[in-house]
N, C-alpha and C. Protein backbone atom coordinates (compact mmCIF):
# COMPACT_ATOMS: atom_id res chain seq x y z
N UNK A 1 4.72 22.86 2.38
CA UNK A 1 4.94 21.83 1.39
C UNK A 1 3.62 21.09 1.13
N UNK A 2 3.45 20.74 -0.13
CA UNK A 2 2.27 19.98 -0.56
C UNK A 2 2.70 18.51 -0.77
N UNK A 3 1.72 17.64 -0.79
CA UNK A 3 2.01 16.22 -0.99
C UNK A 3 1.59 15.81 -2.40
N UNK A 4 2.45 15.06 -3.05
CA UNK A 4 2.20 14.61 -4.41
C UNK A 4 2.35 13.11 -4.49
N UNK A 5 1.60 12.45 -5.41
CA UNK A 5 1.78 11.06 -5.66
C UNK A 5 2.52 10.89 -6.99
N UNK A 6 3.45 10.02 -7.02
CA UNK A 6 4.15 9.59 -8.24
C UNK A 6 3.64 8.21 -8.59
N UNK A 7 2.95 8.04 -9.69
CA UNK A 7 2.47 6.77 -10.16
C UNK A 7 3.42 6.25 -11.24
N UNK A 8 3.96 5.07 -10.99
CA UNK A 8 4.95 4.47 -11.91
C UNK A 8 4.30 3.48 -12.83
N UNK A 9 4.42 3.71 -14.12
CA UNK A 9 3.86 2.80 -15.14
C UNK A 9 4.93 2.18 -15.99
N UNK A 10 4.68 0.90 -16.29
CA UNK A 10 5.59 0.17 -17.21
C UNK A 10 4.85 -1.05 -17.73
N UNK A 11 5.42 -1.75 -18.63
CA UNK A 11 4.85 -2.96 -19.19
C UNK A 11 5.34 -4.15 -18.37
N UNK A 12 4.45 -4.86 -17.67
CA UNK A 12 4.83 -6.06 -16.90
C UNK A 12 5.52 -7.09 -17.74
N UNK A 13 5.11 -7.23 -18.98
CA UNK A 13 5.77 -8.28 -19.83
C UNK A 13 7.20 -7.88 -20.10
N UNK A 14 7.50 -6.59 -20.38
CA UNK A 14 8.89 -6.15 -20.59
C UNK A 14 9.75 -6.36 -19.35
N UNK A 15 9.17 -6.11 -18.20
CA UNK A 15 9.90 -6.32 -16.91
C UNK A 15 10.32 -7.74 -16.72
N UNK A 16 9.43 -8.67 -17.11
CA UNK A 16 9.70 -10.10 -16.89
C UNK A 16 10.88 -10.59 -17.75
N UNK A 17 11.28 -9.86 -18.80
CA UNK A 17 12.31 -10.28 -19.69
C UNK A 17 13.71 -9.79 -19.26
N UNK A 18 13.72 -8.97 -18.21
CA UNK A 18 15.00 -8.40 -17.77
C UNK A 18 15.85 -9.43 -16.97
N UNK A 19 17.12 -9.45 -17.21
CA UNK A 19 18.02 -10.39 -16.59
C UNK A 19 18.13 -10.12 -15.11
N UNK A 20 18.60 -11.09 -14.34
CA UNK A 20 18.78 -10.96 -12.92
C UNK A 20 19.77 -9.84 -12.61
N UNK A 21 20.84 -9.74 -13.34
CA UNK A 21 21.86 -8.72 -13.15
C UNK A 21 21.24 -7.35 -13.39
N UNK A 22 20.52 -7.18 -14.44
CA UNK A 22 19.93 -5.90 -14.78
C UNK A 22 18.89 -5.53 -13.74
N UNK A 23 18.14 -6.51 -13.23
CA UNK A 23 17.14 -6.27 -12.21
C UNK A 23 17.82 -5.73 -10.95
N UNK A 24 18.99 -6.34 -10.58
CA UNK A 24 19.74 -5.86 -9.43
C UNK A 24 20.20 -4.43 -9.62
N UNK A 25 20.74 -4.16 -10.80
CA UNK A 25 21.24 -2.83 -11.07
C UNK A 25 20.09 -1.78 -11.03
N UNK A 26 18.94 -2.18 -11.55
CA UNK A 26 17.75 -1.26 -11.56
C UNK A 26 17.33 -1.02 -10.07
N UNK A 27 17.27 -2.07 -9.30
CA UNK A 27 16.92 -1.95 -7.90
C UNK A 27 17.87 -1.05 -7.15
N UNK A 28 19.20 -1.17 -7.42
CA UNK A 28 20.22 -0.34 -6.80
C UNK A 28 19.98 1.12 -7.12
N UNK A 29 19.74 1.40 -8.43
CA UNK A 29 19.46 2.77 -8.86
C UNK A 29 18.23 3.35 -8.22
N UNK A 30 17.22 2.45 -8.11
CA UNK A 30 15.95 2.83 -7.47
C UNK A 30 16.19 3.26 -6.04
N UNK A 31 16.88 2.39 -5.27
CA UNK A 31 17.12 2.69 -3.84
C UNK A 31 17.98 3.92 -3.67
N UNK A 32 18.91 4.15 -4.54
CA UNK A 32 19.72 5.40 -4.49
C UNK A 32 18.83 6.62 -4.62
N UNK A 33 17.91 6.59 -5.57
CA UNK A 33 16.99 7.67 -5.81
C UNK A 33 16.02 7.89 -4.58
N UNK A 34 15.49 6.81 -4.04
CA UNK A 34 14.60 6.87 -2.91
C UNK A 34 15.38 7.46 -1.71
N UNK A 35 16.60 6.93 -1.53
CA UNK A 35 17.40 7.42 -0.39
C UNK A 35 17.75 8.93 -0.50
N UNK A 36 17.94 9.42 -1.73
CA UNK A 36 18.16 10.89 -1.91
C UNK A 36 16.94 11.68 -1.59
N UNK A 37 15.73 11.19 -2.01
CA UNK A 37 14.49 11.86 -1.63
C UNK A 37 14.37 11.92 -0.13
N UNK A 38 14.63 10.79 0.52
CA UNK A 38 14.47 10.75 2.02
C UNK A 38 15.48 11.64 2.68
N UNK A 39 16.71 11.65 2.22
CA UNK A 39 17.77 12.50 2.83
C UNK A 39 17.44 13.99 2.69
N UNK A 40 16.70 14.34 1.69
CA UNK A 40 16.31 15.77 1.47
C UNK A 40 14.90 16.05 2.00
N UNK A 41 14.40 15.16 2.83
CA UNK A 41 13.05 15.37 3.42
C UNK A 41 11.93 15.59 2.42
N UNK A 42 12.09 14.84 1.29
CA UNK A 42 11.07 14.92 0.24
C UNK A 42 10.14 13.68 0.17
N UNK A 43 10.57 12.61 0.85
CA UNK A 43 9.78 11.38 0.76
C UNK A 43 8.80 11.34 1.90
N UNK A 44 7.49 11.24 1.57
CA UNK A 44 6.42 11.18 2.51
C UNK A 44 6.17 9.68 2.81
N UNK A 45 5.49 9.44 3.92
CA UNK A 45 5.08 8.12 4.28
C UNK A 45 4.08 7.61 3.29
N UNK A 46 4.15 6.36 2.92
CA UNK A 46 3.20 5.79 1.99
C UNK A 46 3.88 5.42 0.67
N UNK A 47 3.27 4.52 0.00
CA UNK A 47 3.81 4.04 -1.30
C UNK A 47 4.10 2.60 -1.21
N UNK A 48 4.06 1.94 -2.39
CA UNK A 48 4.34 0.54 -2.40
C UNK A 48 4.38 0.03 -3.83
N UNK A 49 4.91 -1.16 -3.99
CA UNK A 49 4.93 -1.85 -5.26
C UNK A 49 3.62 -2.65 -5.38
N UNK A 50 3.01 -2.63 -6.52
CA UNK A 50 1.75 -3.37 -6.68
C UNK A 50 1.96 -4.74 -7.40
N UNK A 51 1.20 -5.70 -6.97
CA UNK A 51 1.18 -7.01 -7.62
C UNK A 51 0.66 -6.85 -9.02
N UNK A 52 1.10 -7.71 -9.92
CA UNK A 52 0.65 -7.56 -11.32
C UNK A 52 -0.76 -8.09 -11.56
N UNK A 53 -1.28 -8.90 -10.64
CA UNK A 53 -2.62 -9.45 -10.76
C UNK A 53 -3.70 -8.49 -10.31
N UNK A 54 -4.91 -8.71 -10.76
CA UNK A 54 -6.02 -7.87 -10.33
C UNK A 54 -7.17 -7.97 -11.31
N UNK A 55 -8.04 -7.08 -11.16
CA UNK A 55 -9.23 -6.95 -12.05
C UNK A 55 -9.36 -5.51 -12.50
N UNK A 56 -9.86 -5.33 -13.70
CA UNK A 56 -10.21 -4.03 -14.18
C UNK A 56 -11.70 -3.98 -14.38
N UNK A 57 -12.34 -2.99 -13.82
CA UNK A 57 -13.76 -2.80 -13.95
C UNK A 57 -14.02 -1.60 -14.79
N UNK A 58 -14.90 -1.76 -15.79
CA UNK A 58 -15.24 -0.62 -16.67
C UNK A 58 -16.78 -0.40 -16.64
N UNK A 59 -17.14 0.64 -17.25
CA UNK A 59 -18.58 0.97 -17.31
C UNK A 59 -19.35 -0.19 -17.91
N UNK A 60 -20.64 -0.23 -17.65
CA UNK A 60 -21.54 -1.25 -18.19
C UNK A 60 -21.26 -2.65 -17.62
N UNK A 61 -20.56 -2.69 -16.51
CA UNK A 61 -20.36 -3.95 -15.81
C UNK A 61 -19.26 -4.89 -16.35
N UNK A 62 -18.45 -4.37 -17.27
CA UNK A 62 -17.37 -5.20 -17.84
C UNK A 62 -16.26 -5.38 -16.81
N UNK A 63 -15.89 -6.57 -16.51
CA UNK A 63 -14.79 -6.91 -15.60
C UNK A 63 -13.83 -7.82 -16.30
N UNK A 64 -12.52 -7.49 -16.32
CA UNK A 64 -11.53 -8.30 -16.97
C UNK A 64 -10.41 -8.58 -16.02
N UNK A 65 -9.61 -9.58 -16.26
CA UNK A 65 -8.42 -9.89 -15.44
C UNK A 65 -7.40 -8.80 -15.66
N UNK A 66 -6.48 -8.79 -14.68
CA UNK A 66 -5.36 -7.87 -14.52
C UNK A 66 -5.14 -6.84 -15.61
N UNK A 67 -4.79 -5.65 -15.21
CA UNK A 67 -4.57 -4.55 -16.14
C UNK A 67 -3.46 -4.79 -17.12
N UNK A 68 -2.52 -5.68 -16.77
CA UNK A 68 -1.39 -5.91 -17.62
C UNK A 68 -1.78 -6.61 -18.93
N UNK A 69 -2.88 -7.22 -18.96
CA UNK A 69 -3.33 -7.92 -20.16
C UNK A 69 -3.98 -6.98 -21.19
N UNK A 70 -4.58 -5.91 -20.72
CA UNK A 70 -5.31 -5.01 -21.63
C UNK A 70 -4.46 -3.73 -21.93
N UNK A 71 -3.68 -3.34 -20.96
CA UNK A 71 -2.98 -2.06 -21.10
C UNK A 71 -1.51 -2.29 -21.31
N UNK A 72 -0.91 -1.51 -22.21
CA UNK A 72 0.50 -1.64 -22.48
C UNK A 72 1.31 -1.19 -21.28
N UNK A 73 0.82 -0.13 -20.56
CA UNK A 73 1.50 0.37 -19.39
C UNK A 73 0.57 0.21 -18.15
N UNK A 74 0.99 -0.57 -17.20
CA UNK A 74 0.20 -0.74 -15.99
C UNK A 74 0.89 0.02 -14.84
N UNK A 75 0.13 0.29 -13.80
CA UNK A 75 0.72 0.98 -12.63
C UNK A 75 1.47 -0.09 -11.84
N UNK A 76 2.79 0.10 -11.71
CA UNK A 76 3.68 -0.79 -10.98
C UNK A 76 3.61 -0.51 -9.48
N UNK A 77 3.46 0.75 -9.15
CA UNK A 77 3.52 1.17 -7.76
C UNK A 77 3.44 2.70 -7.68
N UNK A 78 3.70 3.19 -6.48
CA UNK A 78 3.62 4.63 -6.27
C UNK A 78 4.39 4.99 -5.03
N UNK A 79 4.73 6.29 -4.89
CA UNK A 79 5.29 6.83 -3.68
C UNK A 79 4.65 8.16 -3.52
N UNK A 80 4.75 8.71 -2.30
CA UNK A 80 4.28 10.01 -1.97
C UNK A 80 5.50 10.91 -1.68
N UNK A 81 5.52 12.13 -2.20
CA UNK A 81 6.59 13.03 -1.95
C UNK A 81 6.05 14.35 -1.51
N UNK A 82 6.99 15.17 -0.93
CA UNK A 82 6.67 16.55 -0.58
C UNK A 82 7.37 17.48 -1.59
N UNK A 83 6.64 18.52 -2.00
CA UNK A 83 7.22 19.54 -2.90
C UNK A 83 6.41 20.79 -2.69
N UNK A 84 7.04 21.93 -3.04
CA UNK A 84 6.30 23.17 -2.87
C UNK A 84 5.37 23.52 -4.03
N UNK A 85 5.59 22.82 -5.17
CA UNK A 85 4.73 23.05 -6.35
C UNK A 85 4.75 21.85 -7.29
N UNK A 86 3.84 21.82 -8.17
CA UNK A 86 3.84 20.74 -9.18
C UNK A 86 5.12 20.72 -9.99
N UNK A 87 5.60 21.90 -10.34
CA UNK A 87 6.86 21.95 -11.05
C UNK A 87 8.01 21.39 -10.28
N UNK A 88 8.08 21.62 -8.95
CA UNK A 88 9.15 21.01 -8.17
C UNK A 88 8.98 19.55 -8.07
N UNK A 89 7.73 19.06 -7.96
CA UNK A 89 7.50 17.61 -7.87
C UNK A 89 7.93 16.94 -9.20
N UNK A 90 7.67 17.62 -10.32
CA UNK A 90 8.06 17.04 -11.62
C UNK A 90 9.66 17.01 -11.66
N UNK A 91 10.30 18.06 -11.17
CA UNK A 91 11.77 18.05 -11.13
C UNK A 91 12.32 16.85 -10.33
N UNK A 92 11.66 16.57 -9.17
CA UNK A 92 12.11 15.47 -8.38
C UNK A 92 11.84 14.11 -9.07
N UNK A 93 10.74 14.05 -9.82
CA UNK A 93 10.41 12.83 -10.51
C UNK A 93 11.28 12.59 -11.74
N UNK A 94 11.88 13.59 -12.29
CA UNK A 94 12.74 13.45 -13.46
C UNK A 94 13.91 12.55 -13.24
N UNK A 95 14.38 12.45 -11.98
CA UNK A 95 15.53 11.56 -11.66
C UNK A 95 15.08 10.13 -11.42
N UNK A 96 13.82 9.80 -11.53
CA UNK A 96 13.36 8.42 -11.31
C UNK A 96 14.02 7.46 -12.26
N UNK A 97 14.68 6.44 -11.79
CA UNK A 97 15.37 5.51 -12.67
C UNK A 97 14.44 4.73 -13.59
N UNK A 98 13.18 4.62 -13.18
CA UNK A 98 12.25 3.92 -14.10
C UNK A 98 12.16 4.54 -15.48
N UNK A 99 12.40 5.83 -15.56
CA UNK A 99 12.31 6.55 -16.81
C UNK A 99 13.42 6.19 -17.79
N UNK A 100 14.42 5.52 -17.33
CA UNK A 100 15.46 5.01 -18.24
C UNK A 100 15.07 3.82 -19.08
N UNK A 101 13.94 3.23 -18.71
CA UNK A 101 13.46 2.06 -19.44
C UNK A 101 12.55 2.46 -20.62
N UNK A 102 12.27 1.43 -21.46
CA UNK A 102 11.33 1.64 -22.57
C UNK A 102 9.94 1.60 -22.08
N UNK A 103 9.06 2.32 -22.74
CA UNK A 103 7.58 2.27 -22.46
C UNK A 103 7.28 2.48 -21.00
N UNK A 104 7.94 3.42 -20.35
CA UNK A 104 7.69 3.70 -18.89
C UNK A 104 7.24 5.12 -18.77
N UNK A 105 6.59 5.44 -17.65
CA UNK A 105 6.19 6.78 -17.36
C UNK A 105 6.04 6.96 -15.88
N UNK A 106 6.08 8.25 -15.44
CA UNK A 106 5.79 8.64 -14.07
C UNK A 106 4.73 9.72 -14.16
N UNK A 107 3.63 9.47 -13.54
CA UNK A 107 2.54 10.48 -13.45
C UNK A 107 2.63 11.19 -12.11
N UNK A 108 2.65 12.51 -12.14
CA UNK A 108 2.81 13.31 -10.98
C UNK A 108 1.50 14.07 -10.72
N UNK A 109 0.88 13.83 -9.54
CA UNK A 109 -0.42 14.43 -9.23
C UNK A 109 -0.40 14.95 -7.81
N UNK A 110 -0.92 16.14 -7.59
CA UNK A 110 -1.05 16.67 -6.23
C UNK A 110 -2.14 15.94 -5.48
N UNK A 111 -1.90 15.67 -4.22
CA UNK A 111 -2.89 15.02 -3.36
C UNK A 111 -3.89 16.10 -2.95
N UNK A 112 -5.10 15.93 -3.22
CA UNK A 112 -6.14 16.85 -2.89
C UNK A 112 -6.49 16.81 -1.38
N UNK A 113 -6.76 17.93 -0.81
CA UNK A 113 -7.13 17.98 0.57
C UNK A 113 -8.62 17.78 0.79
N UNK A 114 -9.31 17.36 -0.22
CA UNK A 114 -10.78 17.23 -0.08
C UNK A 114 -11.12 16.11 0.77
């Protein structure tokens, strides 16, 4: 098995407008998906939710506040999974509940052994 990272992107501003009930429902769907990955020995150790604040550094010394101000989709967090191929990792990521939202994406990348 190879290790892959799933990077979760969404708009922090859109997330802030979601009701408490919808947030709970989304969290429940998220935990169901994570638990299925774990039950099938596909969830690797590592991963976390990221705080919305931070700095973005660009070439020529430009530094700006948090990515959520400049980018429509910021990285919300990530998990690591096990899969035999990129195609299988994509199949596992297709069930991610984040993809049910507007302006969201999941980037799937193999972890390099370098």
